[in-house]
Amino acid sequence: GSSTKYADSVKGRFTTSRDNAKNTVYLQMN
């Protein structure tokens, strides 16, 4: 998950991450 991309409308506010041990991807929205 070393590379990420964001839409311009959410850049700086949203962050995506993944935890492969938990088979889960996240979207933190601020």
Full PDB file with SEQRES, HELIX, SHEET, SSBOND, CRYST1, ORIGX, SCALE, CONECT and MASTER records, all heavy atoms in Angstrom:
SEQRES   1 A   30  GLY SER SER THR LYS TYR ALA ASP SER VAL LYS GLY ARG          
SEQRES   2 A   30  PHE THR THR SER ARG ASP ASN ALA LYS ASN THR VAL TYR          
SEQRES   3 A   30  LEU GLN MET ASN                                              
HELIX    1 AA1 ASN A   20  LYS A   22  5                                   3    
SHEET    1 AA1 2 PHE A  14  ASP A  19  0                                        
SHEET    2 AA1 2 THR A  24  MET A  29 -1                                        
CRYST1    1.000    1.000    1.000  90.00  90.00  90.00 P 1           1          
ORIGX1      1.000000  0.000000  0.000000        0.00000                         
ORIGX2      0.000000  1.000000  0.000000        0.00000                         
ORIGX3      0.000000  0.000000  1.000000        0.00000                         
SCALE1      1.000000  0.000000  0.000000        0.00000                         
SCALE2      0.000000  1.000000  0.000000        0.00000                         
SCALE3      0.000000  0.000000  1.000000        0.00000                         
ATOM      1  N   GLY A   1       0.807  -1.210   0.000  1.00  0.00           N  
ATOM      2  CA  GLY A   1       0.000   0.000   0.000  1.00  0.00           C  
ATOM      3  C   GLY A   1       0.839   1.258   0.000  1.00  0.00           C  
ATOM      4  O   GLY A   1       0.395   2.304   0.484  1.00  0.00           O  
ATOM      5  N   SER A   2       2.033   1.174  -0.547  1.00  0.00           N  
ATOM      6  CA  SER A   2       2.950   2.319  -0.501  1.00  0.00           C  
ATOM      7  C   SER A   2       2.521   3.456  -1.419  1.00  0.00           C  
ATOM      8  O   SER A   2       2.966   4.591  -1.264  1.00  0.00           O  
ATOM      9  CB  SER A   2       4.362   1.864  -0.858  1.00  0.00           C  
ATOM     10  OG  SER A   2       4.378   1.259  -2.138  1.00  0.00           O  
ATOM     11  N   SER A   3       1.679   3.121  -2.398  1.00  0.00           N  
ATOM     12  CA  SER A   3       1.198   4.156  -3.315  1.00  0.00           C  
ATOM     13  C   SER A   3      -0.283   4.389  -3.104  1.00  0.00           C  
ATOM     14  O   SER A   3      -1.056   3.438  -2.968  1.00  0.00           O  
ATOM     15  CB  SER A   3       1.430   3.741  -4.774  1.00  0.00           C  
ATOM     16  OG  SER A   3       2.800   3.666  -5.053  1.00  0.00           O  
ATOM     17  N   THR A   4      -0.672   5.656  -3.093  1.00  0.00           N  
ATOM     18  CA  THR A   4      -2.079   6.018  -2.979  1.00  0.00           C  
ATOM     19  C   THR A   4      -2.392   7.139  -3.966  1.00  0.00           C  
ATOM     20  O   THR A   4      -1.493   7.886  -4.379  1.00  0.00           O  
ATOM     21  CB  THR A   4      -2.434   6.503  -1.561  1.00  0.00           C  
ATOM     22  OG1 THR A   4      -1.563   7.574  -1.196  1.00  0.00           O  
ATOM     23  CG2 THR A   4      -2.307   5.372  -0.541  1.00  0.00           C  
ATOM     24  N   LYS A   5      -3.649   7.217  -4.333  1.00  0.00           N  
ATOM     25  CA  LYS A   5      -4.133   8.302  -5.171  1.00  0.00           C  
ATOM     26  C   LYS A   5      -5.465   8.779  -4.616  1.00  0.00           C  
ATOM     27  O   LYS A   5      -6.227   7.990  -4.058  1.00  0.00           O  
ATOM     28  CB  LYS A   5      -4.315   7.847  -6.621  1.00  0.00           C  
ATOM     29  CG  LYS A   5      -3.036   7.699  -7.404  1.00  0.00           C  
ATOM     30  CD  LYS A   5      -3.335   7.394  -8.868  1.00  0.00           C  
ATOM     31  CE  LYS A   5      -2.058   7.268  -9.674  1.00  0.00           C  
ATOM     32  NZ  LYS A   5      -2.352   6.954 -11.113  1.00  0.00           N  
ATOM     33  N   TYR A   6      -5.734  10.064  -4.813  1.00  0.00           N  
ATOM     34  CA  TYR A   6      -6.972  10.647  -4.317  1.00  0.00           C  
ATOM     35  C   TYR A   6      -7.586  11.562  -5.365  1.00  0.00           C  
ATOM     36  O   TYR A   6      -6.870  12.211  -6.145  1.00  0.00           O  
ATOM     37  CB  TYR A   6      -6.702  11.461  -3.041  1.00  0.00           C  
ATOM     38  CG  TYR A   6      -6.162  10.638  -1.906  1.00  0.00           C  
ATOM     39  CD1 TYR A   6      -4.789  10.507  -1.692  1.00  0.00           C  
ATOM     40  CD2 TYR A   6      -7.024   9.964  -1.047  1.00  0.00           C  
ATOM     41  CE1 TYR A   6      -4.296   9.716  -0.682  1.00  0.00           C  
ATOM     42  CE2 TYR A   6      -6.540   9.182  -0.012  1.00  0.00           C  
ATOM     43  CZ  TYR A   6      -5.176   9.058   0.164  1.00  0.00           C  
ATOM     44  OH  TYR A   6      -4.690   8.275   1.184  1.00  0.00           O  
ATOM     45  N   ALA A   7      -8.899  11.631  -5.343  1.00  0.00           N  
ATOM     46  CA  ALA A   7      -9.576  12.636  -6.150  1.00  0.00           C  
ATOM     47  C   ALA A   7      -9.230  14.015  -5.608  1.00  0.00           C  
ATOM     48  O   ALA A   7      -9.018  14.187  -4.395  1.00  0.00           O  
ATOM     49  CB  ALA A   7     -11.084  12.414  -6.092  1.00  0.00           C  
ATOM     50  N   ASP A   8      -9.170  14.987  -6.485  1.00  0.00           N  
ATOM     51  CA  ASP A   8      -8.828  16.353  -6.057  1.00  0.00           C  
ATOM     52  C   ASP A   8      -9.796  16.866  -4.987  1.00  0.00           C  
ATOM     53  O   ASP A   8      -9.396  17.605  -4.084  1.00  0.00           O  
ATOM     54  CB  ASP A   8      -8.840  17.293  -7.257  1.00  0.00           C  
ATOM     55  CG  ASP A   8      -7.662  17.072  -8.189  1.00  0.00           C  
ATOM     56  OD1 ASP A   8      -6.679  16.425  -7.767  1.00  0.00           O  
ATOM     57  OD2 ASP A   8      -7.734  17.545  -9.328  1.00  0.00           O  
ATOM     58  N   SER A   9     -11.036  16.447  -5.080  1.00  0.00           N  
ATOM     59  CA  SER A   9     -12.058  16.949  -4.161  1.00  0.00           C  
ATOM     60  C   SER A   9     -11.868  16.471  -2.725  1.00  0.00           C  
ATOM     61  O   SER A   9     -12.438  17.059  -1.800  1.00  0.00           O  
ATOM     62  CB  SER A   9     -13.450  16.535  -4.653  1.00  0.00           C  
ATOM     63  OG  SER A   9     -13.538  15.131  -4.751  1.00  0.00           O  
ATOM     64  N   VAL A  10     -11.081  15.413  -2.521  1.00  0.00           N  
ATOM     65  CA  VAL A  10     -10.900  14.881  -1.168  1.00  0.00           C  
ATOM     66  C   VAL A  10      -9.449  14.935  -0.709  1.00  0.00           C  
ATOM     67  O   VAL A  10      -9.154  14.609   0.451  1.00  0.00           O  
ATOM     68  CB  VAL A  10     -11.400  13.423  -1.070  1.00  0.00           C  
ATOM     69  CG1 VAL A  10     -12.835  13.316  -1.570  1.00  0.00           C  
ATOM     70  CG2 VAL A  10     -10.501  12.447  -1.799  1.00  0.00           C  
ATOM     71  N   LYS A  11      -8.567  15.347  -1.580  1.00  0.00           N  
ATOM     72  CA  LYS A  11      -7.142  15.371  -1.254  1.00  0.00           C  
ATOM     73  C   LYS A  11      -6.897  16.264  -0.045  1.00  0.00           C  
ATOM     74  O   LYS A  11      -7.420  17.382   0.040  1.00  0.00           O  
ATOM     75  CB  LYS A  11      -6.353  15.873  -2.465  1.00  0.00           C  
ATOM     76  CG  LYS A  11      -4.922  15.411  -2.528  1.00  0.00           C  
ATOM     77  CD  LYS A  11      -4.302  15.763  -3.884  1.00  0.00           C  
ATOM     78  CE  LYS A  11      -4.891  14.945  -4.998  1.00  0.00           C  
ATOM     79  NZ  LYS A  11      -4.245  15.208  -6.301  1.00  0.00           N  
ATOM     80  N   GLY A  12      -6.118  15.755   0.898  1.00  0.00           N  
ATOM     81  CA  GLY A  12      -5.828  16.500   2.122  1.00  0.00           C  
ATOM     82  C   GLY A  12      -6.847  16.282   3.216  1.00  0.00           C  
ATOM     83  O   GLY A  12      -6.608  16.664   4.369  1.00  0.00           O  
ATOM     84  N   ARG A  13      -7.991  15.674   2.888  1.00  0.00           N  
ATOM     85  CA  ARG A  13      -9.032  15.422   3.887  1.00  0.00           C  
ATOM     86  C   ARG A  13      -9.249  13.928   4.121  1.00  0.00           C  
ATOM     87  O   ARG A  13      -9.586  13.521   5.230  1.00  0.00           O  
ATOM     88  CB  ARG A  13     -10.355  16.058   3.452  1.00  0.00           C  
ATOM     89  CG  ARG A  13     -10.293  17.549   3.251  1.00  0.00           C  
ATOM     90  CD  ARG A  13     -11.680  18.129   2.985  1.00  0.00           C  
ATOM     91  NE  ARG A  13     -12.280  17.614   1.753  1.00  0.00           N  
ATOM     92  CZ  ARG A  13     -13.454  16.976   1.705  1.00  0.00           C  
ATOM     93  NH1 ARG A  13     -14.142  16.755   2.796  1.00  0.00           N  
ATOM     94  NH2 ARG A  13     -13.943  16.562   0.535  1.00  0.00           N  
ATOM     95  N   PHE A  14      -9.091  13.125   3.090  1.00  0.00           N  
ATOM     96  CA  PHE A  14      -9.321  11.680   3.177  1.00  0.00           C  
ATOM     97  C   PHE A  14      -7.988  10.944   3.093  1.00  0.00           C  
ATOM     98  O   PHE A  14      -7.070  11.367   2.385  1.00  0.00           O  
ATOM     99  CB  PHE A  14     -10.199  11.203   2.028  1.00  0.00           C  
ATOM    100  CG  PHE A  14     -11.641  11.641   2.085  1.00  0.00           C  
ATOM    101  CD1 PHE A  14     -12.076  12.608   2.964  1.00  0.00           C  
ATOM    102  CD2 PHE A  14     -12.573  11.063   1.224  1.00  0.00           C  
ATOM    103  CE1 PHE A  14     -13.411  13.004   3.009  1.00  0.00           C  
ATOM    104  CE2 PHE A  14     -13.908  11.441   1.248  1.00  0.00           C  
ATOM    105  CZ  PHE A  14     -14.320  12.419   2.134  1.00  0.00           C  
ATOM    106  N   THR A  15      -7.922   9.823   3.804  1.00  0.00           N  
ATOM    107  CA  THR A  15      -6.737   8.967   3.758  1.00  0.00           C  
ATOM    108  C   THR A  15      -7.170   7.509   3.684  1.00  0.00           C  
ATOM    109  O   THR A  15      -8.009   7.074   4.479  1.00  0.00           O  
ATOM    110  CB  THR A  15      -5.869   9.161   5.012  1.00  0.00           C  
ATOM    111  OG1 THR A  15      -5.501  10.540   5.133  1.00  0.00           O  
ATOM    112  CG2 THR A  15      -4.605   8.314   4.932  1.00  0.00           C  
ATOM    113  N   THR A  16      -6.589   6.776   2.751  1.00  0.00           N  
ATOM    114  CA  THR A  16      -6.870   5.352   2.668  1.00  0.00           C  
ATOM    115  C   THR A  16      -5.648   4.561   3.135  1.00  0.00           C  
ATOM    116  O   THR A  16      -4.505   4.994   2.951  1.00  0.00           O  
ATOM    117  CB  THR A  16      -7.275   4.934   1.242  1.00  0.00           C  
ATOM    118  OG1 THR A  16      -7.728   3.577   1.261  1.00  0.00           O  
ATOM    119  CG2 THR A  16      -6.145   5.093   0.252  1.00  0.00           C  
ATOM    120  N   SER A  17      -5.910   3.426   3.744  1.00  0.00           N  
ATOM    121  CA  SER A  17      -4.843   2.558   4.232  1.00  0.00           C  
ATOM    122  C   SER A  17      -5.343   1.121   4.182  1.00  0.00           C  
ATOM    123  O   SER A  17      -6.533   0.881   3.985  1.00  0.00           O  
ATOM    124  CB  SER A  17      -4.437   2.931   5.662  1.00  0.00           C  
ATOM    125  OG  SER A  17      -5.542   2.810   6.539  1.00  0.00           O  
ATOM    126  N   ARG A  18      -4.429   0.188   4.347  1.00  0.00           N  
ATOM    127  CA  ARG A  18      -4.830  -1.209   4.334  1.00  0.00           C  
ATOM    128  C   ARG A  18      -4.082  -1.988   5.408  1.00  0.00           C  
ATOM    129  O   ARG A  18      -2.935  -1.655   5.735  1.00  0.00           O  
ATOM    130  CB  ARG A  18      -4.588  -1.826   2.952  1.00  0.00           C  
ATOM    131  CG  ARG A  18      -3.149  -1.969   2.536  1.00  0.00           C  
ATOM    132  CD  ARG A  18      -3.050  -2.361   1.047  1.00  0.00           C  
ATOM    133  NE  ARG A  18      -3.719  -3.623   0.778  1.00  0.00           N  
ATOM    134  CZ  ARG A  18      -4.153  -3.995  -0.440  1.00  0.00           C  
ATOM    135  NH1 ARG A  18      -3.977  -3.196  -1.471  1.00  0.00           N  
ATOM    136  NH2 ARG A  18      -4.739  -5.166  -0.606  1.00  0.00           N  
ATOM    137  N   ASP A  19      -4.747  -3.018   5.917  1.00  0.00           N  
ATOM    138  CA  ASP A  19      -4.154  -3.941   6.881  1.00  0.00           C  
ATOM    139  C   ASP A  19      -4.348  -5.333   6.306  1.00  0.00           C  
ATOM    140  O   ASP A  19      -5.427  -5.923   6.432  1.00  0.00           O  
ATOM    141  CB  ASP A  19      -4.837  -3.796   8.239  1.00  0.00           C  
ATOM    142  CG  ASP A  19      -4.186  -4.653   9.318  1.00  0.00           C  
ATOM    143  OD1 ASP A  19      -3.503  -5.639   8.975  1.00  0.00           O  
ATOM    144  OD2 ASP A  19      -4.374  -4.356  10.499  1.00  0.00           O  
ATOM    145  N   ASN A  20      -3.307  -5.863   5.670  1.00  0.00           N  
ATOM    146  CA  ASN A  20      -3.441  -7.151   4.991  1.00  0.00           C  
ATOM    147  C   ASN A  20      -3.643  -8.312   5.972  1.00  0.00           C  
ATOM    148  O   ASN A  20      -4.263  -9.313   5.620  1.00  0.00           O  
ATOM    149  CB  ASN A  20      -2.216  -7.405   4.120  1.00  0.00           C  
ATOM    150  CG  ASN A  20      -2.126  -6.435   2.957  1.00  0.00           C  
ATOM    151  OD1 ASN A  20      -3.143  -5.984   2.428  1.00  0.00           O  
ATOM    152  ND2 ASN A  20      -0.905  -6.093   2.560  1.00  0.00           N  
ATOM    153  N   ALA A  21      -3.141  -8.164   7.175  1.00  0.00           N  
ATOM    154  CA  ALA A  21      -3.336  -9.208   8.179  1.00  0.00           C  
ATOM    155  C   ALA A  21      -4.806  -9.349   8.554  1.00  0.00           C  
ATOM    156  O   ALA A  21      -5.251 -10.425   8.955  1.00  0.00           O  
ATOM    157  CB  ALA A  21      -2.510  -8.905   9.419  1.00  0.00           C  
ATOM    158  N   LYS A  22      -5.547  -8.233   8.416  1.00  0.00           N  
ATOM    159  CA  LYS A  22      -6.976  -8.244   8.731  1.00  0.00           C  
ATOM    160  C   LYS A  22      -7.845  -8.264   7.482  1.00  0.00           C  
ATOM    161  O   LYS A  22      -9.069  -8.163   7.577  1.00  0.00           O  
ATOM    162  CB  LYS A  22      -7.338  -7.020   9.579  1.00  0.00           C  
ATOM    163  CG  LYS A  22      -6.671  -6.998  10.948  1.00  0.00           C  
ATOM    164  CD  LYS A  22      -7.114  -5.783  11.751  1.00  0.00           C  
ATOM    165  CE  LYS A  22      -6.476  -5.801  13.141  1.00  0.00           C  
ATOM    166  NZ  LYS A  22      -6.898  -4.615  13.948  1.00  0.00           N  
ATOM    167  N   ASN A  23      -7.213  -8.344   6.312  1.00  0.00           N  
ATOM    168  CA  ASN A  23      -7.975  -8.316   5.053  1.00  0.00           C  
ATOM    169  C   ASN A  23      -8.916  -7.116   4.998  1.00  0.00           C  
ATOM    170  O   ASN A  23     -10.084  -7.246   4.586  1.00  0.00           O  
ATOM    171  CB  ASN A  23      -8.777  -9.612   4.864  1.00  0.00           C  
ATOM    172  CG  ASN A  23      -7.957 -10.723   4.257  1.00  0.00           C  
ATOM    173  OD1 ASN A  23      -6.724 -10.670   4.239  1.00  0.00           O  
ATOM    174  ND2 ASN A  23      -8.606 -11.758   3.770  1.00  0.00           N  
ATOM    175  N   THR A  24      -8.439  -5.968   5.384  1.00  0.00           N  
ATOM    176  CA  THR A  24      -9.294  -4.798   5.503  1.00  0.00           C  
ATOM    177  C   THR A  24      -8.609  -3.561   4.911  1.00  0.00           C  
ATOM    178  O   THR A  24      -7.401  -3.367   5.092  1.00  0.00           O  
ATOM    179  CB  THR A  24      -9.650  -4.530   6.974  1.00  0.00           C  
ATOM    180  OG1 THR A  24     -10.332  -5.680   7.505  1.00  0.00           O  
ATOM    181  CG2 THR A  24     -10.573  -3.326   7.107  1.00  0.00           C  
ATOM    182  N   VAL A  25      -9.420  -2.762   4.236  1.00  0.00           N  
ATOM    183  CA  VAL A  25      -8.972  -1.469   3.742  1.00  0.00           C  
ATOM    184  C   VAL A  25      -9.842  -0.404   4.404  1.00  0.00           C  
ATOM    185  O   VAL A  25     -11.020  -0.638   4.691  1.00  0.00           O  
ATOM    186  CB  VAL A  25      -9.035  -1.401   2.204  1.00  0.00           C  
ATOM    187  CG1 VAL A  25     -10.456  -1.542   1.697  1.00  0.00           C  
ATOM    188  CG2 VAL A  25      -8.400  -0.125   1.681  1.00  0.00           C  
ATOM    189  N   TYR A  26      -9.244   0.751   4.663  1.00  0.00           N  
ATOM    190  CA  TYR A  26      -9.919   1.808   5.397  1.00  0.00           C  
ATOM    191  C   TYR A  26      -9.948   3.102   4.589  1.00  0.00           C  
ATOM    192  O   TYR A  26      -9.082   3.352   3.744  1.00  0.00           O  
ATOM    193  CB  TYR A  26      -9.190   2.093   6.716  1.00  0.00           C  
ATOM    194  CG  TYR A  26      -9.043   0.903   7.615  1.00  0.00           C  
ATOM    195  CD1 TYR A  26      -7.866   0.164   7.631  1.00  0.00           C  
ATOM    196  CD2 TYR A  26     -10.079   0.507   8.444  1.00  0.00           C  
ATOM    197  CE1 TYR A  26      -7.716  -0.937   8.454  1.00  0.00           C  
ATOM    198  CE2 TYR A  26      -9.940  -0.601   9.277  1.00  0.00           C  
ATOM    199  CZ  TYR A  26      -8.767  -1.318   9.278  1.00  0.00           C  
ATOM    200  OH  TYR A  26      -8.632  -2.419  10.092  1.00  0.00           O  
ATOM    201  N   LEU A  27     -10.950   3.925   4.905  1.00  0.00           N  
ATOM    202  CA  LEU A  27     -11.003   5.274   4.366  1.00  0.00           C  
ATOM    203  C   LEU A  27     -11.317   6.207   5.536  1.00  0.00           C  
ATOM    204  O   LEU A  27     -12.435   6.211   6.045  1.00  0.00           O  
ATOM    205  CB  LEU A  27     -12.067   5.409   3.272  1.00  0.00           C  
ATOM    206  CG  LEU A  27     -12.121   6.783   2.597  1.00  0.00           C  
ATOM    207  CD1 LEU A  27     -10.848   7.021   1.776  1.00  0.00           C  
ATOM    208  CD2 LEU A  27     -13.348   6.911   1.705  1.00  0.00           C  
ATOM    209  N   GLN A  28     -10.311   6.948   5.967  1.00  0.00           N  
ATOM    210  CA  GLN A  28     -10.486   7.939   7.023  1.00  0.00           C  
ATOM    211  C   GLN A  28     -10.907   9.248   6.374  1.00  0.00           C  
ATOM    212  O   GLN A  28     -10.186   9.764   5.511  1.00  0.00           O  
ATOM    213  CB  GLN A  28      -9.186   8.136   7.799  1.00  0.00           C  
ATOM    214  CG  GLN A  28      -9.262   9.197   8.882  1.00  0.00           C  
ATOM    215  CD  GLN A  28     -10.203   8.826  10.012  1.00  0.00           C  
ATOM    216  OE1 GLN A  28     -10.204   7.698  10.481  1.00  0.00           O  
ATOM    217  NE2 GLN A  28     -11.017   9.788  10.447  1.00  0.00           N  
ATOM    218  N   MET A  29     -12.056   9.760   6.777  1.00  0.00           N  
ATOM    219  CA  MET A  29     -12.613  10.968   6.166  1.00  0.00           C  
ATOM    220  C   MET A  29     -12.710  12.061   7.225  1.00  0.00           C  
ATOM    221  O   MET A  29     -13.450  11.906   8.207  1.00  0.00           O  
ATOM    222  CB  MET A  29     -13.995  10.676   5.579  1.00  0.00           C  
ATOM    223  CG  MET A  29     -13.987   9.505   4.594  1.00  0.00           C  
ATOM    224  SD  MET A  29     -15.577   9.254   3.778  1.00  0.00           S  
ATOM    225  CE  MET A  29     -16.597   8.813   5.174  1.00  0.00           C  
ATOM    226  N   ASN A  30     -11.957  13.121   7.029  1.00  0.00           N  
ATOM    227  CA  ASN A  30     -11.951  14.246   7.952  1.00  0.00           C  
ATOM    228  C   ASN A  30     -12.486  15.501   7.265  1.00  0.00           C  
ATOM    229  O   ASN A  30     -12.562  15.558   6.042  1.00  0.00           O  
ATOM    230  CB  ASN A  30     -10.526  14.509   8.451  1.00  0.00           C  
ATOM    231  CG  ASN A  30      -9.945  13.348   9.208  1.00  0.00           C  
ATOM    232  OD1 ASN A  30     -10.662  12.594   9.886  1.00  0.00           O  
ATOM    233  ND2 ASN A  30      -8.633  13.168   9.119  1.00  0.00           N  
TER     234      ASN A  30                                                      
MASTER        0    0    0    1    2    0    0    6  233    1    0    3          
END                                                                             
